[in-house]
Amino acid sequence: MSSSGQSSEHDYLFKLLLIGDSGVGKSSLLLSFISEAFEDLSPTIGVDFKIKMVTVGGKRLKLAIWDTAGQERFRTLTSSYYRGAQGIIMVYDVTRRDTFTNLSDVWAKEIELYSTNQDCIKMLVGNKVDKEGRRAVTKQEGVEFARHYGCLFIECSARTRANVEQCYEELVLKILETPSLLADGSTGAKTNIFKQNPPGPPQVADASSGGCC
C-alpha cells in the first residue's frame, strides 16, 4: 500500500469503521496509519473521521475512516455510522480479556443490527501486542473468533506500528475483491458517506445471509 497526495482524483471511495471498547486503541490505530505517529489519546467523544489517500492493487482509493466512541453512553449516537460502511474493524486489547469477550457480547450484535451492507468485510484486530508480557487473550483465540464470525484477523501494535498498515491493506484488498462493495464505492455512486444519516429506526441487516456477524 502506498500513500498518495491529497488529490481529489480516485477510483473508489470506501467507508471504514473502527469499533470496540473504550481504551483498546482505536484512535491510536487510526493516527498511526494516517500520520505514522503514536500518541496516548483521550477517549473519543462521539465520532471522528480521517481521510487517507492510498494506492492498492493499482487502484487509487480514498478511505474515509470513522473512529467511534467505545463508551456505552455514545452507543445510540454511533449506530447510524454503520450504514454504508464497506469495512468494519473490530478492535480489542490483547491485555484486557473483557474487551475481547465484549466483541461477541456487544459489538458483533451491533454489526448485525446496524450494518446495511450484507457483504461488508470485517477485520478483527488484537491491539497492543507490544505488551506481550501482559497478554490475556491468546492469538489462537483471536483466530477462532475470526473463523466463527467470518472476519479477517491480525494482531498489531499502534505504538510500534507493527502490522498497522497491513491491517488496513488486507481489509481494503478484500473489499476490492467484493463486486457489491466496489459498486458502492465507485466514484459514480450517489452516496455521501461524510454525512450522518438523519435519526430514525436502524436498518436491520439480513443476518440469514451470513454476510454480517
Foldseek 3Di string as FASTA:
>chain_A
DAFDPPDPDFFWEAEEEEAFAWPLCQVLLVCCQAPVAGDDDDFDDAKDWDWTWGAAPNGTYIYIYMYGGRDPVNVLSCLQLLELHQEYEYEGEQLDVVRVVCCVVPVLVSQQFAHADLQRAYEYEHEDCVVVVRGDHDVVNQVVVCVVLVHHYDYYYSHVRGCSNVRVNVNVVVLVVDVVSSVSTGPPHPDDSVDGDDDDRHDGYDVVVSSGD
